[in-house]
Amino acid sequence: MSYIQLGYNDLILPALLVVMNGALSLALHLRLEWQLAVASVRMVVQLVLVGYVLTFLFAAVSPLWTALAAFIMVMFASREIVVRQKRRLLGLWTYGLGAGCTLLAAGTVTMFSLLTQLRPDPWYHPRYALPLLGMILGNTMTGVSLGLDVLVNGVVRERAAVESCLALGGTRYQALLPVIRDALRSGFMPTINGMAAIGLVSLPGMMTGQILAGVEPGDAVKYQLLIMFLIAGGTGLGTLAAVLGGGRLLTDHRHRLRLDRIASEK
């Protein structure tokens, strides 16, 4: 079974649904029409450009080009993590913590799947490496950003309790443990909810795409299960590293709270 090819002219009618949303925004004075228009144009331009870039990368099959593309993806993910923070860490760690933890988690899990489960030839083939990295990266980014946001805001909110624990002789990790637990729960929750609802409430994007491309449903399910396991592992590892790292940055070796390392609220 072959997939049904679409031309750009086939997208005009579905695009009218977005125009309809803009018209509703105008009619109801929601003031979302400009944001919707900008987001739609960005989406189209970005996806078209990505299509051309992937076509080049798939033809080149170069480890250098694949690594460069992966690095750019991680940098954009780290920027999104920073943008989503209500309060940001100051200095190098504004970007460094999110980028480092995301690269560690998503990179490790992607390498693991390429070398042990999929085993493409060569192992760094961009047709496999980049889509896998993108799916894992997107979910890890969400977990890391949620975890850091809850951690920093929780430390500011619970400042009195944290400093009281430290004053009574507790270590920085003992003082921050309740906040760290809340941050980890927040980072893990989207993945847990997605795993619980998958197949019943919705069919995930990768599985749907494979089925539309003619892959047997049973094989599509196996690939989707692989992806969900990888996403869960990447999100867990990235969120844990980011939250623990953030907790360490918000204190010092003398077990003092360092709120001066947090930027003012946006």
C-alpha atoms as a PDB file:
ATOM      1  CA  MET A   1       0.000   0.000   0.000  1.00  0.00           C
ATOM      2  CA  SER A   2       1.408   3.413  -0.986  1.00  0.00           C
ATOM      3  CA  TYR A   3       0.687   6.675   0.777  1.00  0.00           C
ATOM      4  CA  ILE A   4      -1.552   9.406  -0.647  1.00  0.00           C
ATOM      5  CA  GLN A   5       0.584  12.282  -1.863  1.00  0.00           C
ATOM      6  CA  LEU A   6      -0.511  15.835  -1.139  1.00  0.00           C
ATOM      7  CA  GLY A   7       0.238  18.967  -3.131  1.00  0.00           C
ATOM      8  CA  TYR A   8       0.407  22.453  -1.668  1.00  0.00           C
ATOM      9  CA  ASN A   9      -2.906  23.227  -3.352  1.00  0.00           C
ATOM     10  CA  ASP A  10      -4.474  20.469  -1.228  1.00  0.00           C
ATOM     11  CA  LEU A  11      -3.648  22.509   1.880  1.00  0.00           C
ATOM     12  CA  ILE A  12      -5.636  25.597   0.891  1.00  0.00           C
ATOM     13  CA  LEU A  13      -9.006  24.314   2.072  1.00  0.00           C
ATOM     14  CA  PRO A  14      -7.733  23.109   5.500  1.00  0.00           C
ATOM     15  CA  ALA A  15      -5.925  26.449   5.902  1.00  0.00           C
ATOM     16  CA  LEU A  16      -9.318  28.160   5.753  1.00  0.00           C
ATOM     17  CA  LEU A  17     -10.019  26.654   9.178  1.00  0.00           C
ATOM     18  CA  VAL A  18      -7.240  28.836  10.583  1.00  0.00           C
ATOM     19  CA  VAL A  19      -8.721  31.829   8.763  1.00  0.00           C
ATOM     20  CA  MET A  20     -12.031  30.971  10.419  1.00  0.00           C
ATOM     21  CA  ASN A  21     -10.336  31.132  13.831  1.00  0.00           C
ATOM     22  CA  GLY A  22      -8.971  34.565  12.952  1.00  0.00           C
ATOM     23  CA  ALA A  23     -12.432  35.731  11.928  1.00  0.00           C
ATOM     24  CA  LEU A  24     -13.847  34.490  15.248  1.00  0.00           C
ATOM     25  CA  SER A  25     -11.138  36.397  17.084  1.00  0.00           C
ATOM     26  CA  LEU A  26     -12.078  39.577  15.240  1.00  0.00           C
ATOM     27  CA  ALA A  27     -15.788  39.072  15.829  1.00  0.00           C
ATOM     28  CA  LEU A  28     -15.338  38.362  19.552  1.00  0.00           C
ATOM     29  CA  HIS A  29     -12.629  41.038  20.028  1.00  0.00           C
ATOM     30  CA  LEU A  30     -10.153  38.475  21.383  1.00  0.00           C
ATOM     31  CA  ARG A  31      -7.191  40.288  19.793  1.00  0.00           C
ATOM     32  CA  LEU A  32      -5.584  36.987  18.849  1.00  0.00           C
ATOM     33  CA  GLU A  33      -5.799  37.360  15.080  1.00  0.00           C
ATOM     34  CA  TRP A  34      -2.326  38.891  14.675  1.00  0.00           C
ATOM     35  CA  GLN A  35      -0.686  36.257  16.871  1.00  0.00           C
ATOM     36  CA  LEU A  36      -2.544  33.548  14.978  1.00  0.00           C
ATOM     37  CA  ALA A  37      -1.432  34.953  11.625  1.00  0.00           C
ATOM     38  CA  VAL A  38       2.208  35.236  12.689  1.00  0.00           C
ATOM     39  CA  ALA A  39       2.196  31.728  14.182  1.00  0.00           C
ATOM     40  CA  SER A  40       0.641  30.279  11.014  1.00  0.00           C
ATOM     41  CA  VAL A  41       3.163  31.964   8.711  1.00  0.00           C
ATOM     42  CA  ARG A  42       6.051  30.899  10.941  1.00  0.00           C
ATOM     43  CA  MET A  43       4.772  27.341  10.978  1.00  0.00           C
ATOM     44  CA  VAL A  44       4.540  27.154   7.193  1.00  0.00           C
ATOM     45  CA  VAL A  45       7.944  28.751   6.580  1.00  0.00           C
ATOM     46  CA  GLN A  46       9.681  26.650   9.231  1.00  0.00           C
ATOM     47  CA  LEU A  47       8.222  23.361   8.034  1.00  0.00           C
ATOM     48  CA  VAL A  48       8.968  24.068   4.366  1.00  0.00           C
ATOM     49  CA  LEU A  49      12.558  24.996   5.225  1.00  0.00           C
ATOM     50  CA  VAL A  50      12.915  21.903   7.403  1.00  0.00           C
ATOM     51  CA  GLY A  51      11.697  19.792   4.502  1.00  0.00           C
ATOM     52  CA  TYR A  52      14.446  21.142   2.229  1.00  0.00           C
ATOM     53  CA  VAL A  53      17.086  20.804   4.947  1.00  0.00           C
ATOM     54  CA  LEU A  54      16.125  17.203   5.680  1.00  0.00           C
ATOM     55  CA  THR A  55      16.187  16.369   1.976  1.00  0.00           C
ATOM     56  CA  PHE A  56      19.775  17.634   1.838  1.00  0.00           C
ATOM     57  CA  LEU A  57      20.780  15.824   5.036  1.00  0.00           C
ATOM     58  CA  PHE A  58      19.254  12.529   3.921  1.00  0.00           C
ATOM     59  CA  ALA A  59      21.178  12.734   0.656  1.00  0.00           C
ATOM     60  CA  ALA A  60      24.472  13.736   2.313  1.00  0.00           C
ATOM     61  CA  VAL A  61      24.431  11.175   5.186  1.00  0.00           C
ATOM     62  CA  SER A  62      27.305  13.036   6.849  1.00  0.00           C
ATOM     63  CA  PRO A  63      28.078  12.723  10.584  1.00  0.00           C
ATOM     64  CA  LEU A  64      29.200  16.375  10.648  1.00  0.00           C
ATOM     65  CA  TRP A  65      26.007  17.706   9.070  1.00  0.00           C
ATOM     66  CA  THR A  66      23.881  15.458  11.296  1.00  0.00           C
ATOM     67  CA  ALA A  67      25.739  16.643  14.408  1.00  0.00           C
ATOM     68  CA  LEU A  68      25.358  20.286  13.349  1.00  0.00           C
ATOM     69  CA  ALA A  69      21.613  19.862  12.821  1.00  0.00           C
ATOM     70  CA  ALA A  70      21.285  18.157  16.229  1.00  0.00           C
ATOM     71  CA  PHE A  71      23.258  20.969  17.895  1.00  0.00           C
ATOM     72  CA  ILE A  72      20.996  23.623  16.361  1.00  0.00           C
ATOM     73  CA  MET A  73      17.926  21.717  17.565  1.00  0.00           C
ATOM     74  CA  VAL A  74      19.298  21.614  21.109  1.00  0.00           C
ATOM     75  CA  MET A  75      20.090  25.349  21.039  1.00  0.00           C
ATOM     76  CA  PHE A  76      16.545  26.219  19.970  1.00  0.00           C
ATOM     77  CA  ALA A  77      15.186  23.899  22.676  1.00  0.00           C
ATOM     78  CA  SER A  78      17.314  25.639  25.334  1.00  0.00           C
ATOM     79  CA  ARG A  79      15.992  29.010  24.191  1.00  0.00           C
ATOM     80  CA  GLU A  80      12.413  27.782  24.526  1.00  0.00           C
ATOM     81  CA  ILE A  81      13.175  26.546  28.040  1.00  0.00           C
ATOM     82  CA  VAL A  82      14.408  30.006  29.047  1.00  0.00           C
ATOM     83  CA  VAL A  83      11.458  31.796  27.423  1.00  0.00           C
ATOM     84  CA  ARG A  84       8.981  29.682  29.401  1.00  0.00           C
ATOM     85  CA  GLN A  85      10.493  30.590  32.776  1.00  0.00           C
ATOM     86  CA  LYS A  86       8.623  33.075  34.963  1.00  0.00           C
ATOM     87  CA  ARG A  87      11.847  33.694  36.884  1.00  0.00           C
ATOM     88  CA  ARG A  88      15.218  32.935  35.272  1.00  0.00           C
ATOM     89  CA  LEU A  89      18.587  31.998  36.663  1.00  0.00           C
ATOM     90  CA  LEU A  90      21.201  34.689  36.149  1.00  0.00           C
ATOM     91  CA  GLY A  91      24.462  34.478  34.235  1.00  0.00           C
ATOM     92  CA  LEU A  92      25.675  31.618  32.077  1.00  0.00           C
ATOM     93  CA  TRP A  93      23.205  29.218  33.647  1.00  0.00           C
ATOM     94  CA  THR A  94      20.290  31.091  32.115  1.00  0.00           C
ATOM     95  CA  TYR A  95      20.836  28.964  29.020  1.00  0.00           C
ATOM     96  CA  GLY A  96      23.519  26.554  30.172  1.00  0.00           C
ATOM     97  CA  LEU A  97      21.504  24.481  32.619  1.00  0.00           C
ATOM     98  CA  GLY A  98      18.583  23.833  30.285  1.00  0.00           C
ATOM     99  CA  ALA A  99      20.816  23.217  27.261  1.00  0.00           C
ATOM    100  CA  GLY A 100      23.168  20.914  29.139  1.00  0.00           C
ATOM    101  CA  CYS A 101      20.448  18.791  30.723  1.00  0.00           C
ATOM    102  CA  THR A 102      18.445  18.593  27.509  1.00  0.00           C
ATOM    103  CA  LEU A 103      21.511  17.581  25.494  1.00  0.00           C
ATOM    104  CA  LEU A 104      22.516  15.015  28.111  1.00  0.00           C
ATOM    105  CA  ALA A 105      19.104  13.393  28.321  1.00  0.00           C
ATOM    106  CA  ALA A 106      17.898  13.554  24.715  1.00  0.00           C
ATOM    107  CA  GLY A 107      21.344  12.780  23.293  1.00  0.00           C
ATOM    108  CA  THR A 108      21.898   9.793  25.564  1.00  0.00           C
ATOM    109  CA  VAL A 109      18.484   8.266  24.908  1.00  0.00           C
ATOM    110  CA  THR A 110      18.725   8.860  21.146  1.00  0.00           C
ATOM    111  CA  MET A 111      22.168   7.244  20.985  1.00  0.00           C
ATOM    112  CA  PHE A 112      20.874   4.342  23.052  1.00  0.00           C
ATOM    113  CA  SER A 113      18.011   3.674  20.627  1.00  0.00           C
ATOM    114  CA  LEU A 114      20.191   4.012  17.530  1.00  0.00           C
ATOM    115  CA  LEU A 115      22.900   1.666  18.800  1.00  0.00           C
ATOM    116  CA  THR A 116      20.754  -0.987  20.488  1.00  0.00           C
ATOM    117  CA  GLN A 117      17.286  -1.096  18.896  1.00  0.00           C
ATOM    118  CA  LEU A 118      17.160   0.426  15.417  1.00  0.00           C
ATOM    119  CA  ARG A 119      20.813  -0.065  14.377  1.00  0.00           C
ATOM    120  CA  PRO A 120      20.659   1.821  11.036  1.00  0.00           C
ATOM    121  CA  ASP A 121      23.630   1.714   8.673  1.00  0.00           C
ATOM    122  CA  PRO A 122      25.408   4.009   9.347  1.00  0.00           C
ATOM    123  CA  TRP A 123      24.256   4.432  12.934  1.00  0.00           C
ATOM    124  CA  TYR A 124      24.147   8.250  12.609  1.00  0.00           C
ATOM    125  CA  HIS A 125      21.905   8.192   9.514  1.00  0.00           C
ATOM    126  CA  PRO A 126      19.878  11.443   9.706  1.00  0.00           C
ATOM    127  CA  ARG A 127      16.688   9.729   8.502  1.00  0.00           C
ATOM    128  CA  TYR A 128      16.569   7.966  11.870  1.00  0.00           C
ATOM    129  CA  ALA A 129      18.703  10.103  14.191  1.00  0.00           C
ATOM    130  CA  LEU A 130      17.066  13.500  13.658  1.00  0.00           C
ATOM    131  CA  PRO A 131      13.375  12.501  13.856  1.00  0.00           C
ATOM    132  CA  LEU A 132      14.101  10.454  16.975  1.00  0.00           C
ATOM    133  CA  LEU A 133      16.041  13.306  18.542  1.00  0.00           C
ATOM    134  CA  GLY A 134      13.285  15.772  17.653  1.00  0.00           C
ATOM    135  CA  MET A 135      10.534  13.762  19.335  1.00  0.00           C
ATOM    136  CA  ILE A 136      12.598  13.080  22.451  1.00  0.00           C
ATOM    137  CA  LEU A 137      13.907  16.648  22.550  1.00  0.00           C
ATOM    138  CA  GLY A 138      10.464  18.230  22.394  1.00  0.00           C
ATOM    139  CA  ASN A 139       9.146  16.238  25.343  1.00  0.00           C
ATOM    140  CA  THR A 140      12.357  16.578  27.356  1.00  0.00           C
ATOM    141  CA  MET A 141      12.230  20.345  26.794  1.00  0.00           C
ATOM    142  CA  THR A 142       8.721  20.459  28.246  1.00  0.00           C
ATOM    143  CA  GLY A 143       9.715  18.449  31.309  1.00  0.00           C
ATOM    144  CA  VAL A 144      12.847  20.502  31.951  1.00  0.00           C
ATOM    145  CA  SER A 145      11.069  23.849  31.545  1.00  0.00           C
ATOM    146  CA  LEU A 146       8.211  22.848  33.853  1.00  0.00           C
ATOM    147  CA  GLY A 147      10.566  21.405  36.438  1.00  0.00           C
ATOM    148  CA  LEU A 148      12.804  24.477  36.551  1.00  0.00           C
ATOM    149  CA  ASP A 149       9.856  26.870  36.629  1.00  0.00           C
ATOM    150  CA  VAL A 150       8.239  25.090  39.577  1.00  0.00           C
ATOM    151  CA  LEU A 151      11.589  24.779  41.355  1.00  0.00           C
ATOM    152  CA  VAL A 152      12.561  28.448  41.142  1.00  0.00           C
ATOM    153  CA  ASN A 153       9.099  29.765  41.962  1.00  0.00           C
ATOM    154  CA  GLY A 154       8.765  27.258  44.781  1.00  0.00           C
ATOM    155  CA  VAL A 155      12.073  28.302  46.341  1.00  0.00           C
ATOM    156  CA  VAL A 156      11.017  31.960  46.245  1.00  0.00           C
ATOM    157  CA  ARG A 157       7.588  31.156  47.671  1.00  0.00           C
ATOM    158  CA  GLU A 158       8.926  28.839  50.410  1.00  0.00           C
ATOM    159  CA  ARG A 159      11.924  30.974  51.262  1.00  0.00           C
ATOM    160  CA  ALA A 160      11.063  31.212  54.949  1.00  0.00           C
ATOM    161  CA  ALA A 161      10.645  27.443  55.356  1.00  0.00           C
ATOM    162  CA  VAL A 162      13.849  26.690  53.447  1.00  0.00           C
ATOM    163  CA  GLU A 163      15.912  29.175  55.465  1.00  0.00           C
ATOM    164  CA  SER A 164      14.433  27.889  58.734  1.00  0.00           C
ATOM    165  CA  CYS A 165      15.492  24.357  57.871  1.00  0.00           C
ATOM    166  CA  LEU A 166      18.982  25.567  56.988  1.00  0.00           C
ATOM    167  CA  ALA A 167      19.211  27.577  60.217  1.00  0.00           C
ATOM    168  CA  LEU A 168      18.351  24.442  62.215  1.00  0.00           C
ATOM    169  CA  GLY A 169      21.316  22.608  60.694  1.00  0.00           C
ATOM    170  CA  GLY A 170      19.693  20.930  57.704  1.00  0.00           C
ATOM    171  CA  THR A 171      21.614  20.487  54.470  1.00  0.00           C
ATOM    172  CA  ARG A 172      20.600  22.342  51.330  1.00  0.00           C
ATOM    173  CA  TYR A 173      19.063  19.196  49.853  1.00  0.00           C
ATOM    174  CA  GLN A 174      17.052  18.513  53.014  1.00  0.00           C
ATOM    175  CA  ALA A 175      15.765  22.088  52.946  1.00  0.00           C
ATOM    176  CA  LEU A 176      14.882  21.990  49.255  1.00  0.00           C
ATOM    177  CA  LEU A 177      13.496  18.442  49.161  1.00  0.00           C
ATOM    178  CA  PRO A 178       9.752  19.380  49.274  1.00  0.00           C
ATOM    179  CA  VAL A 179      10.231  21.912  46.462  1.00  0.00           C
ATOM    180  CA  ILE A 180      12.343  19.461  44.451  1.00  0.00           C
ATOM    181  CA  ARG A 181       9.637  16.813  44.742  1.00  0.00           C
ATOM    182  CA  ASP A 182       6.981  19.243  43.486  1.00  0.00           C
ATOM    183  CA  ALA A 183       9.225  20.270  40.589  1.00  0.00           C
ATOM    184  CA  LEU A 184       9.892  16.656  39.578  1.00  0.00           C
ATOM    185  CA  ARG A 185       6.184  15.814  39.719  1.00  0.00           C
ATOM    186  CA  SER A 186       5.385  18.763  37.456  1.00  0.00           C
ATOM    187  CA  GLY A 187       8.100  17.783  34.978  1.00  0.00           C
ATOM    188  CA  PHE A 188       7.019  14.132  34.842  1.00  0.00           C
ATOM    189  CA  MET A 189       3.261  14.707  34.723  1.00  0.00           C
ATOM    190  CA  PRO A 190       2.786  15.573  30.999  1.00  0.00           C
ATOM    191  CA  THR A 191       4.577  12.375  29.961  1.00  0.00           C
ATOM    192  CA  ILE A 192       2.649  10.255  32.458  1.00  0.00           C
ATOM    193  CA  ASN A 193      -0.661  11.747  31.268  1.00  0.00           C
ATOM    194  CA  GLY A 194       0.317  11.149  27.649  1.00  0.00           C
ATOM    195  CA  MET A 195       1.225   7.520  28.312  1.00  0.00           C
ATOM    196  CA  ALA A 196      -2.037   6.917  30.174  1.00  0.00           C
ATOM    197  CA  ALA A 197      -4.242   8.422  27.449  1.00  0.00           C
ATOM    198  CA  ILE A 198      -2.440   7.112  24.361  1.00  0.00           C
ATOM    199  CA  GLY A 199      -4.507   4.769  22.223  1.00  0.00           C
ATOM    200  CA  LEU A 200      -7.756   5.488  24.075  1.00  0.00           C
ATOM    201  CA  VAL A 201      -8.126   9.244  23.894  1.00  0.00           C
ATOM    202  CA  SER A 202      -5.856   9.870  20.908  1.00  0.00           C
ATOM    203  CA  LEU A 203      -3.640   8.189  18.346  1.00  0.00           C
ATOM    204  CA  PRO A 204      -0.122   9.643  18.568  1.00  0.00           C
ATOM    205  CA  GLY A 205       1.371  11.514  15.641  1.00  0.00           C
ATOM    206  CA  MET A 206       4.088   9.039  14.707  1.00  0.00           C
ATOM    207  CA  MET A 207       1.727   6.071  14.697  1.00  0.00           C
ATOM    208  CA  THR A 208      -0.859   7.983  12.660  1.00  0.00           C
ATOM    209  CA  GLY A 209       1.795   9.071  10.165  1.00  0.00           C
ATOM    210  CA  GLN A 210       3.079   5.545   9.693  1.00  0.00           C
ATOM    211  CA  ILE A 211      -0.425   4.157   9.210  1.00  0.00           C
ATOM    212  CA  LEU A 212      -1.187   6.866   6.615  1.00  0.00           C
ATOM    213  CA  ALA A 213       2.099   5.968   4.905  1.00  0.00           C
ATOM    214  CA  GLY A 214       0.960   2.349   4.530  1.00  0.00           C
ATOM    215  CA  VAL A 215       2.698   0.669   7.480  1.00  0.00           C
ATOM    216  CA  GLU A 216       0.774  -2.187   9.095  1.00  0.00           C
ATOM    217  CA  PRO A 217      -0.918  -1.057  12.352  1.00  0.00           C
ATOM    218  CA  GLY A 218       0.888  -3.733  14.375  1.00  0.00           C
ATOM    219  CA  ASP A 219       4.295  -2.483  13.224  1.00  0.00           C
ATOM    220  CA  ALA A 220       3.257   1.133  13.794  1.00  0.00           C
ATOM    221  CA  VAL A 221       2.280   0.234  17.370  1.00  0.00           C
ATOM    222  CA  LYS A 222       5.723  -1.263  18.026  1.00  0.00           C
ATOM    223  CA  TYR A 223       7.463   1.878  16.800  1.00  0.00           C
ATOM    224  CA  GLN A 224       5.165   4.067  18.868  1.00  0.00           C
ATOM    225  CA  LEU A 225       5.833   2.008  21.990  1.00  0.00           C
ATOM    226  CA  LEU A 226       9.562   2.380  21.382  1.00  0.00           C
ATOM    227  CA  ILE A 227       9.192   6.139  21.042  1.00  0.00           C
ATOM    228  CA  MET A 228       7.073   6.465  24.184  1.00  0.00           C
ATOM    229  CA  PHE A 229       9.586   4.477  26.238  1.00  0.00           C
ATOM    230  CA  LEU A 230      12.400   6.670  24.913  1.00  0.00           C
ATOM    231  CA  ILE A 231      10.428   9.849  25.606  1.00  0.00           C
ATOM    232  CA  ALA A 232       9.698   8.733  29.170  1.00  0.00           C
ATOM    233  CA  GLY A 233      13.366   7.939  29.763  1.00  0.00           C
ATOM    234  CA  GLY A 234      14.616  11.172  28.215  1.00  0.00           C
ATOM    235  CA  THR A 235      12.105  13.340  30.055  1.00  0.00           C
ATOM    236  CA  GLY A 236      12.823  11.676  33.373  1.00  0.00           C
ATOM    237  CA  LEU A 237      16.589  11.957  33.014  1.00  0.00           C
ATOM    238  CA  GLY A 238      16.505  15.562  31.779  1.00  0.00           C
ATOM    239  CA  THR A 239      14.042  16.775  34.399  1.00  0.00           C
ATOM    240  CA  LEU A 240      15.951  15.083  37.227  1.00  0.00           C
ATOM    241  CA  ALA A 241      19.275  16.570  36.118  1.00  0.00           C
ATOM    242  CA  ALA A 242      17.794  20.054  35.641  1.00  0.00           C
ATOM    243  CA  VAL A 243      15.947  20.166  38.964  1.00  0.00           C
ATOM    244  CA  LEU A 244      18.870  18.814  40.994  1.00  0.00           C
ATOM    245  CA  GLY A 245      21.250  21.128  39.149  1.00  0.00           C
ATOM    246  CA  GLY A 246      18.933  24.064  39.716  1.00  0.00           C
ATOM    247  CA  GLY A 247      18.696  23.262  43.412  1.00  0.00           C
ATOM    248  CA  ARG A 248      22.477  23.235  43.643  1.00  0.00           C
ATOM    249  CA  LEU A 249      22.746  26.586  41.854  1.00  0.00           C
ATOM    250  CA  LEU A 250      20.196  28.184  44.198  1.00  0.00           C
ATOM    251  CA  THR A 251      22.366  27.313  47.199  1.00  0.00           C
ATOM    252  CA  ASP A 252      26.103  27.368  47.860  1.00  0.00           C
ATOM    253  CA  HIS A 253      28.682  25.080  49.451  1.00  0.00           C
ATOM    254  CA  ARG A 254      28.002  26.685  52.838  1.00  0.00           C
ATOM    255  CA  HIS A 255      24.353  25.597  52.574  1.00  0.00           C
ATOM    256  CA  ARG A 256      22.975  29.096  52.175  1.00  0.00           C
ATOM    257  CA  LEU A 257      20.030  30.070  49.991  1.00  0.00           C
ATOM    258  CA  ARG A 258      21.170  32.228  47.046  1.00  0.00           C
ATOM    259  CA  LEU A 259      18.135  34.042  45.697  1.00  0.00           C
ATOM    260  CA  ASP A 260      20.481  36.661  44.258  1.00  0.00           C
ATOM    261  CA  ARG A 261      21.078  34.186  41.421  1.00  0.00           C
ATOM    262  CA  ILE A 262      17.464  34.561  40.269  1.00  0.00           C
ATOM    263  CA  ALA A 263      16.412  37.327  37.905  1.00  0.00           C
ATOM    264  CA  SER A 264      13.436  39.497  38.779  1.00  0.00           C
ATOM    265  CA  GLU A 265      10.001  38.229  37.791  1.00  0.00           C
ATOM    266  CA  LYS A 266       8.980  38.946  34.192  1.00  0.00           C
END
